[in-house]
C-alpha atoms as a PDB file:
ATOM      1  CA  MET A   1      -7.656 -11.094  18.154  1.00  0.00           C
ATOM      2  CA  PHE A   2      -3.944 -10.386  17.956  1.00  0.00           C
ATOM      3  CA  PRO A   3      -1.554  -9.865  15.014  1.00  0.00           C
ATOM      4  CA  SER A   4       0.817 -12.636  14.012  1.00  0.00           C
ATOM      5  CA  HIS A   5       4.093 -13.130  15.872  1.00  0.00           C
ATOM      6  CA  GLN A   6       6.080 -11.681  12.941  1.00  0.00           C
ATOM      7  CA  THR A   7       3.848  -8.597  12.736  1.00  0.00           C
ATOM      8  CA  PHE A   8       4.095  -8.011  16.491  1.00  0.00           C
ATOM      9  CA  LYS A   9       7.895  -8.418  16.395  1.00  0.00           C
ATOM     10  CA  GLY A  10       8.115  -5.939  13.503  1.00  0.00           C
ATOM     11  CA  LEU A  11       5.926  -3.455  15.370  1.00  0.00           C
ATOM     12  CA  VAL A  12       8.074  -3.732  18.504  1.00  0.00           C
ATOM     13  CA  MET A  13      11.254  -3.221  16.446  1.00  0.00           C
ATOM     14  CA  THR A  14       9.717  -0.178  14.748  1.00  0.00           C
ATOM     15  CA  VAL A  15       8.673   1.421  18.028  1.00  0.00           C
ATOM     16  CA  HIS A  16      12.077   0.793  19.641  1.00  0.00           C
ATOM     17  CA  GLY A  17      13.841   2.190  16.569  1.00  0.00           C
ATOM     18  CA  PHE A  18      11.651   5.290  16.507  1.00  0.00           C
ATOM     19  CA  VAL A  19      12.161   5.931  20.227  1.00  0.00           C
ATOM     20  CA  GLY A  20      15.934   5.512  19.835  1.00  0.00           C
ATOM     21  CA  ALA A  21      16.026   7.867  16.853  1.00  0.00           C
ATOM     22  CA  ALA A  22      13.893  10.408  18.719  1.00  0.00           C
ATOM     23  CA  HIS A  23      16.197  10.322  21.776  1.00  0.00           C
ATOM     24  CA  TYR A  24      19.251  10.759  19.535  1.00  0.00           C
ATOM     25  CA  LEU A  25      17.755  13.632  17.540  1.00  0.00           C
ATOM     26  CA  LEU A  26      16.375  15.458  20.583  1.00  0.00           C
ATOM     27  CA  GLY A  27      19.745  15.074  22.316  1.00  0.00           C
ATOM     28  CA  HIS A  28      21.531  16.665  19.346  1.00  0.00           C
ATOM     29  CA  GLY A  29      19.576  19.913  19.099  1.00  0.00           C
ATOM     30  CA  VAL A  30      16.462  18.958  17.135  1.00  0.00           C
ATOM     31  CA  LYS A  31      13.520  20.914  18.562  1.00  0.00           C
ATOM     32  CA  PHE A  32      10.708  18.656  17.348  1.00  0.00           C
ATOM     33  CA  ILE A  33      10.190  15.468  15.337  1.00  0.00           C
ATOM     34  CA  LEU A  34       7.612  14.885  12.619  1.00  0.00           C
ATOM     35  CA  ALA A  35       6.845  11.179  12.597  1.00  0.00           C
ATOM     36  CA  ASN A  36       5.422  11.275   9.055  1.00  0.00           C
ATOM     37  CA  LYS A  37       8.893  12.167   7.730  1.00  0.00           C
ATOM     38  CA  PHE A  38      10.198   8.728   8.715  1.00  0.00           C
ATOM     39  CA  CYS A  39       9.554   6.750   5.552  1.00  0.00           C
ATOM     40  CA  GLN A  40      11.359   3.660   4.291  1.00  0.00           C
ATOM     41  CA  ASP A  41       9.633   3.543   0.893  1.00  0.00           C
ATOM     42  CA  PRO A  42      12.681   4.956  -0.981  1.00  0.00           C
ATOM     43  CA  LEU A  43      14.917   2.396   0.723  1.00  0.00           C
ATOM     44  CA  GLU A  44      12.564  -0.478  -0.145  1.00  0.00           C
ATOM     45  CA  GLU A  45      12.337   0.784  -3.720  1.00  0.00           C
ATOM     46  CA  HIS A  46      16.135   0.930  -4.025  1.00  0.00           C
ATOM     47  CA  PHE A  47      16.697  -2.617  -2.815  1.00  0.00           C
ATOM     48  CA  GLY A  48      13.737  -3.795  -4.895  1.00  0.00           C
ATOM     49  CA  ARG A  49      15.621  -2.535  -7.935  1.00  0.00           C
ATOM     50  CA  HIS A  50      18.671  -4.498  -6.783  1.00  0.00           C
ATOM     51  CA  ARG A  51      16.542  -7.644  -6.487  1.00  0.00           C
ATOM     52  CA  ALA A  52      15.101  -7.054  -9.946  1.00  0.00           C
ATOM     53  CA  MET A  53      18.570  -6.628 -11.444  1.00  0.00           C
ATOM     54  CA  GLY A  54      19.804  -9.795  -9.740  1.00  0.00           C
ATOM     55  CA  ARG A  55      17.003 -11.888 -11.287  1.00  0.00           C
ATOM     56  CA  THR A  56      17.600 -15.409  -9.937  1.00  0.00           C
ATOM     57  CA  ALA A  57      20.691 -14.568  -7.864  1.00  0.00           C
ATOM     58  CA  ASP A  58      19.379 -14.445  -4.294  1.00  0.00           C
ATOM     59  CA  ASN A  59      22.789 -13.788  -2.730  1.00  0.00           C
ATOM     60  CA  PRO A  60      24.858 -11.470  -4.935  1.00  0.00           C
ATOM     61  CA  THR A  61      28.556 -11.165  -4.230  1.00  0.00           C
ATOM     62  CA  LEU A  62      30.047  -7.845  -3.203  1.00  0.00           C
ATOM     63  CA  LEU A  63      31.352  -7.370  -6.737  1.00  0.00           C
ATOM     64  CA  GLN A  64      27.912  -8.026  -8.284  1.00  0.00           C
ATOM     65  CA  PHE A  65      26.271  -5.667  -5.793  1.00  0.00           C
ATOM     66  CA  GLY A  66      28.830  -2.964  -6.648  1.00  0.00           C
ATOM     67  CA  HIS A  67      28.118  -3.310 -10.378  1.00  0.00           C
ATOM     68  CA  GLN A  68      24.372  -3.114  -9.734  1.00  0.00           C
ATOM     69  CA  GLU A  69      24.823  -0.041  -7.516  1.00  0.00           C
ATOM     70  CA  ASN A  70      26.902   1.698 -10.206  1.00  0.00           C
ATOM     71  CA  SER A  71      24.221   0.909 -12.800  1.00  0.00           C
ATOM     72  CA  LEU A  72      21.514   2.321 -10.557  1.00  0.00           C
ATOM     73  CA  ARG A  73      23.563   5.465  -9.885  1.00  0.00           C
ATOM     74  CA  MET A  74      24.061   5.989 -13.593  1.00  0.00           C
ATOM     75  CA  GLN A  75      20.325   5.540 -14.249  1.00  0.00           C
ATOM     76  CA  ARG A  76      19.534   8.043 -11.494  1.00  0.00           C
ATOM     77  CA  GLN A  77      21.915  10.609 -12.976  1.00  0.00           C
ATOM     78  CA  LEU A  78      20.426  10.200 -16.433  1.00  0.00           C
ATOM     79  CA  ALA A  79      16.813  10.448 -15.296  1.00  0.00           C
ATOM     80  CA  LEU A  80      15.087  13.538 -16.662  1.00  0.00           C
ATOM     81  CA  ILE A  81      12.136  13.756 -14.288  1.00  0.00           C
ATOM     82  CA  VAL A  82      12.130  12.428 -10.763  1.00  0.00           C
ATOM     83  CA  THR A  83       8.665  11.781  -9.375  1.00  0.00           C
ATOM     84  CA  PRO A  84       8.494  10.965  -5.686  1.00  0.00           C
ATOM     85  CA  ARG A  85       6.724   7.772  -4.702  1.00  0.00           C
ATOM     86  CA  GLY A  86       5.428   6.638  -1.390  1.00  0.00           C
ATOM     87  CA  ASN A  87       2.589   7.122   1.002  1.00  0.00           C
ATOM     88  CA  VAL A  88       3.592  10.510   2.406  1.00  0.00           C
ATOM     89  CA  HIS A  89       2.262  13.900   1.396  1.00  0.00           C
ATOM     90  CA  GLY A  90       4.418  16.831   0.449  1.00  0.00           C
ATOM     91  CA  ALA A  91       4.759  19.575  -2.090  1.00  0.00           C
ATOM     92  CA  PRO A  92       3.510  18.549  -5.527  1.00  0.00           C
ATOM     93  CA  ALA A  93       6.239  17.667  -8.003  1.00  0.00           C
ATOM     94  CA  GLN A  94       7.034  20.208 -10.702  1.00  0.00           C
ATOM     95  CA  ARG A  95       5.959  18.735 -14.015  1.00  0.00           C
ATOM     96  CA  PRO A  96       6.984  20.100 -17.398  1.00  0.00           C
ATOM     97  CA  VAL A  97       4.326  21.944 -19.359  1.00  0.00           C
ATOM     98  CA  VAL A  98       3.110  19.861 -22.301  1.00  0.00           C
ATOM     99  CA  GLN A  99       1.693  21.667 -25.303  1.00  0.00           C
ATOM    100  CA  ILE A 100      -1.022  19.827 -27.220  1.00  0.00           C
ATOM    101  CA  SER A 101      -1.608  20.589 -30.877  1.00  0.00           C
ATOM    102  CA  THR A 102      -4.739  19.810 -32.858  1.00  0.00           C
ATOM    103  CA  SER A 103      -2.936  19.844 -36.218  1.00  0.00           C
ATOM    104  CA  PRO A 104      -3.077  16.523 -38.112  1.00  0.00           C
ATOM    105  CA  LEU A 105      -0.055  14.239 -38.173  1.00  0.00           C
ATOM    106  CA  LYS A 106       1.894  13.643 -41.383  1.00  0.00           C
ATOM    107  CA  LYS A 107       0.872  10.507 -43.224  1.00  0.00           C
ATOM    108  CA  LYS A 108       3.426   7.742 -43.593  1.00  0.00           C
ATOM    109  CA  GLN A 109       4.353   6.607 -47.069  1.00  0.00           C
ATOM    110  CA  LYS A 110       3.485   3.025 -47.956  1.00  0.00           C
ATOM    111  CA  GLN A 111       6.410   0.658 -48.232  1.00  0.00           C
ATOM    112  CA  ASN A 112       6.478  -1.804 -51.136  1.00  0.00           C
END
């Protein structure tokens, strides 16, 4: 039993990339490397948003990509709460305190 050719090729590329990054970082003063900090989920999420904005356009032009990137930047700046996503563990996100009231809601008036 062996993984598919594409899976094996991806695994080899990942290992070579990690080894190259480790050599570079260790050669530039990094004392140790935490492998769980290497995560491409944010990158995949970013380009997934680009694909979603492009809809049926599989090959956007540079101008279209620039407009999409500006839109995504603007959305990021306007976001109120940023919740991290991915399969890595870290400090829990700070969530705003929500106060719940048991008082009844106001009734709406009937429209004629």
